[in-house]
Amino acid sequence: MPPEAAVSSSTPRSVAGRFRRPLPVERPHLTRCTKLLCSAFLTLLLVALVIIFVVYLAVRPHRPRFHVTSFTAAGVSSGGPVVLSGQLSIRNPNRDIAYFFDRFYLSVEYRGAEVAKDRPLTAAPTYQPPKTTTPLPFEGVEVSPATAGQDIAKDAAEGDGRVEMTVRVRSRIRARLAFWGNRHWHPLNVRCEVAVGPDGQLLAEYLQKRCSIDFF
């Protein structure tokens, strides 16, 4: 047979059959095992999510709340020295969560400048059980520099005599739930807006005012 005839006799079907490979044999038991493993994993995941959701609803964590309970600025009318005293309250509204606070430090701002910085409020860390309120007092915080006291006296003598300040408290916080405690400390920053009149006493609208808080 001539070569041309040999080439022409190789039809497309015979060429395809020559290069065809057998399909892999299906393994039903492997497919069944894979489906069972996937079903078990999804079931466990669903159960875990339900448990976490139920625990969250039962605990329902809330942040601690800081309020201004008192604040005075002695010497605002005389031009100085101005001495600040007052008290904040810390409320833990949670039923099952306790808080650990590191040492507290106080700073005071007037007209956007710090007139008192990082004055220690507590000498040791503080533990606060659930559903309790803890006082955080301070006294004898002298405003500096002296020019700030003079500016405060001007504000007290002009207009309605209102003198506005910002009290800042910083610390660290960690939570404890039942027998499980978080070992990691988180920065805690509290900002309280206050204002006193010409007599140096806290204005009524600022009493028990809630402070803003930033942590986590």
Protein backbone atom coordinates (compact mmCIF):
# COMPACT_ATOMS: atom_id res chain seq x y z
CA MET A 1 0.00 0.00 0.00
CA PRO A 2 1.41 3.39 -0.91
CA PRO A 3 2.30 5.74 1.95
CA GLU A 4 -0.43 8.15 0.83
CA ALA A 5 -3.02 5.42 1.24
CA ALA A 6 -1.71 4.51 4.70
CA VAL A 7 -1.99 8.09 5.87
CA SER A 8 -5.45 8.51 4.40
CA SER A 9 -6.66 5.27 6.05
CA SER A 10 -6.05 6.77 9.57
CA THR A 11 -9.45 8.26 10.20
CA PRO A 12 -10.09 10.83 13.01
CA ARG A 13 -11.99 8.18 14.97
CA SER A 14 -9.06 5.79 14.95
CA VAL A 15 -6.67 8.59 16.01
CA ALA A 16 -8.96 9.61 18.88
CA GLY A 17 -9.24 6.00 20.00
CA ARG A 18 -5.46 5.66 19.97
CA PHE A 19 -5.01 8.56 22.41
CA ARG A 20 -8.05 7.92 24.59
CA ARG A 21 -7.31 7.19 28.24
CA PRO A 22 -9.56 5.21 30.53
CA LEU A 23 -11.58 7.28 33.03
CA PRO A 24 -10.61 6.90 36.71
CA VAL A 25 -12.62 4.36 38.61
CA GLU A 26 -15.08 6.02 41.00
CA ARG A 27 -14.67 5.22 44.69
CA PRO A 28 -18.05 5.54 46.37
CA HIS A 29 -16.69 4.93 49.88
CA LEU A 30 -14.33 7.94 49.62
CA THR A 31 -17.13 10.20 48.43
CA ARG A 32 -19.32 9.03 51.30
CA CYS A 33 -16.57 9.65 53.86
CA THR A 34 -15.94 13.13 52.53
CA LYS A 35 -19.62 14.03 52.79
CA LEU A 36 -19.79 12.67 56.33
CA LEU A 37 -16.72 14.66 57.41
CA CYS A 38 -18.10 17.87 55.88
CA SER A 39 -21.46 17.34 57.55
CA ALA A 40 -19.84 16.68 60.93
CA PHE A 41 -17.64 19.78 60.64
CA LEU A 42 -20.56 22.03 59.69
CA THR A 43 -22.65 20.62 62.54
CA LEU A 44 -19.91 21.27 65.10
CA LEU A 45 -19.40 24.76 63.74
CA LEU A 46 -23.12 25.52 64.00
CA VAL A 47 -23.28 24.19 67.56
CA ALA A 48 -20.24 26.30 68.56
CA LEU A 49 -21.80 29.44 67.07
CA VAL A 50 -25.07 28.80 68.90
CA ILE A 51 -23.23 28.31 72.21
CA ILE A 52 -21.23 31.53 71.72
CA PHE A 53 -24.42 33.44 70.89
CA VAL A 54 -26.25 32.09 73.95
CA VAL A 55 -23.31 32.94 76.23
CA TYR A 56 -23.15 36.44 74.76
CA LEU A 57 -26.87 36.98 75.41
CA ALA A 58 -26.49 35.69 78.95
CA VAL A 59 -23.45 37.82 79.78
CA ARG A 60 -24.17 40.82 77.53
CA PRO A 61 -20.95 42.74 78.32
CA HIS A 62 -21.02 46.50 78.85
CA ARG A 63 -18.24 49.02 79.16
CA PRO A 64 -17.55 50.64 82.54
CA ARG A 65 -19.17 54.04 82.97
CA PHE A 66 -17.46 57.13 84.34
CA HIS A 67 -19.41 60.12 85.71
CA VAL A 68 -18.47 63.44 87.27
CA THR A 69 -19.81 63.51 90.83
CA SER A 70 -18.01 66.64 92.07
CA PHE A 71 -15.50 69.24 90.90
CA THR A 72 -14.23 72.51 92.37
CA ALA A 73 -11.64 75.02 91.28
CA ALA A 74 -10.52 77.08 94.26
CA GLY A 75 -9.01 80.47 93.43
CA VAL A 76 -10.64 81.05 90.04
CA SER A 77 -11.66 84.61 90.95
CA SER A 78 -8.41 85.64 92.64
CA GLY A 79 -6.18 84.81 89.67
CA GLY A 80 -4.33 81.99 91.33
CA PRO A 81 -3.07 79.74 92.42
CA VAL A 82 -5.96 77.63 91.15
CA VAL A 83 -6.32 74.30 92.95
CA LEU A 84 -8.60 71.59 91.59
CA SER A 85 -10.46 68.95 93.56
CA GLY A 86 -13.25 66.57 92.72
CA GLN A 87 -14.39 63.02 92.26
CA LEU A 88 -15.34 60.68 89.45
CA SER A 89 -17.39 57.53 89.84
CA ILE A 90 -16.73 54.24 88.05
CA ARG A 91 -19.76 52.04 87.50
CA ASN A 92 -19.50 48.40 86.44
CA PRO A 93 -22.96 47.61 85.01
CA ASN A 94 -22.20 43.98 84.18
CA ARG A 95 -23.78 41.11 86.06
CA ASP A 96 -21.00 38.55 85.59
CA ILE A 97 -17.96 40.51 84.43
CA ALA A 98 -15.44 42.10 86.79
CA TYR A 99 -12.79 44.63 85.87
CA PHE A 100 -9.19 45.11 86.87
CA PHE A 101 -7.83 48.65 86.52
CA ASP A 102 -4.18 49.55 86.61
CA ARG A 103 -3.13 52.76 88.36
CA PHE A 104 -5.05 55.88 87.34
CA TYR A 105 -3.43 59.13 86.21
CA LEU A 106 -5.14 62.51 85.93
CA SER A 107 -4.56 65.34 83.46
CA VAL A 108 -6.52 68.58 83.06
CA GLU A 109 -6.83 70.74 79.95
CA TYR A 110 -7.82 74.39 79.74
CA ARG A 111 -8.19 76.13 76.38
CA GLY A 112 -6.64 73.11 74.70
CA ALA A 113 -3.44 73.20 76.79
CA GLU A 114 -2.53 70.92 79.68
CA VAL A 115 -2.49 72.71 83.03
CA ALA A 116 -1.98 69.49 85.00
CA LYS A 117 -0.44 66.32 83.65
CA ASP A 118 -0.28 62.69 84.79
CA ARG A 119 -1.03 63.25 88.45
CA PRO A 120 -1.33 59.83 90.14
CA LEU A 121 -4.80 59.10 91.51
CA THR A 122 -4.25 55.58 92.83
CA ALA A 123 -1.14 53.97 94.25
CA ALA A 124 -2.06 50.43 93.21
CA PRO A 125 -4.27 48.57 90.73
CA THR A 126 -8.00 48.43 91.47
CA TYR A 127 -10.40 45.49 91.30
CA GLN A 128 -14.06 46.22 90.65
CA PRO A 129 -16.64 43.42 91.09
CA PRO A 130 -19.81 43.26 88.99
CA LYS A 131 -22.68 45.66 89.73
CA THR A 132 -20.60 48.02 91.88
CA THR A 133 -19.67 51.70 91.87
CA THR A 134 -16.18 52.85 92.84
CA PRO A 135 -15.26 56.46 93.71
CA LEU A 136 -12.16 58.00 92.18
CA PRO A 137 -11.36 61.17 94.16
CA PHE A 138 -8.62 63.72 93.62
CA GLU A 139 -7.62 66.90 95.44
CA GLY A 140 -4.86 69.48 95.63
CA VAL A 141 -4.18 69.50 91.88
CA GLU A 142 -2.58 72.89 91.28
CA VAL A 143 -2.93 74.52 87.87
CA SER A 144 0.30 75.52 86.17
CA PRO A 145 1.74 77.69 84.76
CA ALA A 146 0.68 80.78 86.73
CA THR A 147 -0.50 82.50 83.54
CA ALA A 148 -3.20 79.85 83.19
CA GLY A 149 -4.59 80.92 86.55
CA GLN A 150 -4.73 84.51 85.33
CA ASP A 151 -6.62 83.49 82.19
CA ILE A 152 -9.05 81.48 84.31
CA ALA A 153 -9.68 84.57 86.46
CA LYS A 154 -10.46 86.59 83.30
CA ASP A 155 -12.98 84.01 82.13
CA ALA A 156 -14.61 83.98 85.56
CA ALA A 157 -14.94 87.79 85.52
CA GLU A 158 -16.34 88.09 82.00
CA GLY A 159 -19.70 87.12 80.55
CA ASP A 160 -21.52 84.47 82.58
CA GLY A 161 -18.36 83.60 84.46
CA ARG A 162 -18.21 80.08 83.06
CA VAL A 163 -14.80 78.39 83.11
CA GLU A 164 -14.65 75.19 81.04
CA MET A 165 -12.04 72.48 81.47
CA THR A 166 -11.47 68.90 80.37
CA VAL A 167 -10.51 66.24 82.86
CA ARG A 168 -8.64 63.29 81.37
CA VAL A 169 -7.98 60.01 83.13
CA ARG A 170 -5.83 57.25 81.72
CA SER A 171 -5.16 53.72 82.90
CA ARG A 172 -5.21 50.13 81.67
CA ILE A 173 -8.06 47.66 81.95
CA ARG A 174 -8.70 43.93 81.69
CA ALA A 175 -11.86 41.90 82.22
CA ARG A 176 -12.68 38.75 84.15
CA LEU A 177 -15.66 36.46 83.54
CA ALA A 178 -16.36 33.86 86.25
CA PHE A 179 -13.22 31.69 86.38
CA TRP A 180 -11.90 32.96 83.05
CA GLY A 181 -9.75 36.07 83.10
CA ASN A 182 -8.26 38.08 80.29
CA ARG A 183 -4.53 38.42 80.90
CA HIS A 184 -4.06 41.19 78.35
CA TRP A 185 -4.21 44.82 79.46
CA HIS A 186 -5.89 47.34 77.19
CA PRO A 187 -5.31 51.12 77.26
CA LEU A 188 -8.14 53.08 78.86
CA ASN A 189 -8.71 56.78 78.15
CA VAL A 190 -11.52 58.77 79.79
CA ARG A 191 -12.55 62.31 78.88
CA CYS A 192 -14.83 64.37 81.13
CA GLU A 193 -16.06 67.85 80.26
CA VAL A 194 -16.57 70.12 83.30
CA ALA A 195 -17.35 73.79 83.90
CA VAL A 196 -17.35 75.90 87.05
CA GLY A 197 -18.86 79.27 87.85
CA PRO A 198 -17.16 82.38 89.31
CA ASP A 199 -17.31 80.74 92.75
CA GLY A 200 -15.33 77.75 91.52
CA GLN A 201 -18.20 75.29 92.01
CA LEU A 202 -19.30 72.79 89.37
CA LEU A 203 -22.28 73.97 87.33
CA ALA A 204 -25.45 71.96 87.82
CA GLU A 205 -25.67 70.71 84.22
CA TYR A 206 -22.30 69.00 84.57
CA LEU A 207 -23.13 67.12 87.76
CA GLN A 208 -23.36 63.37 87.13
CA LYS A 209 -22.47 63.99 83.49
CA ARG A 210 -21.28 60.87 81.74
CA CYS A 211 -17.71 60.88 80.47
CA SER A 212 -16.60 59.54 77.12
CA ILE A 213 -14.47 56.42 77.25
CA ASP A 214 -12.13 54.82 74.77
CA PHE A 215 -10.65 51.35 75.14
CA PHE A 216 -10.39 48.01 73.27
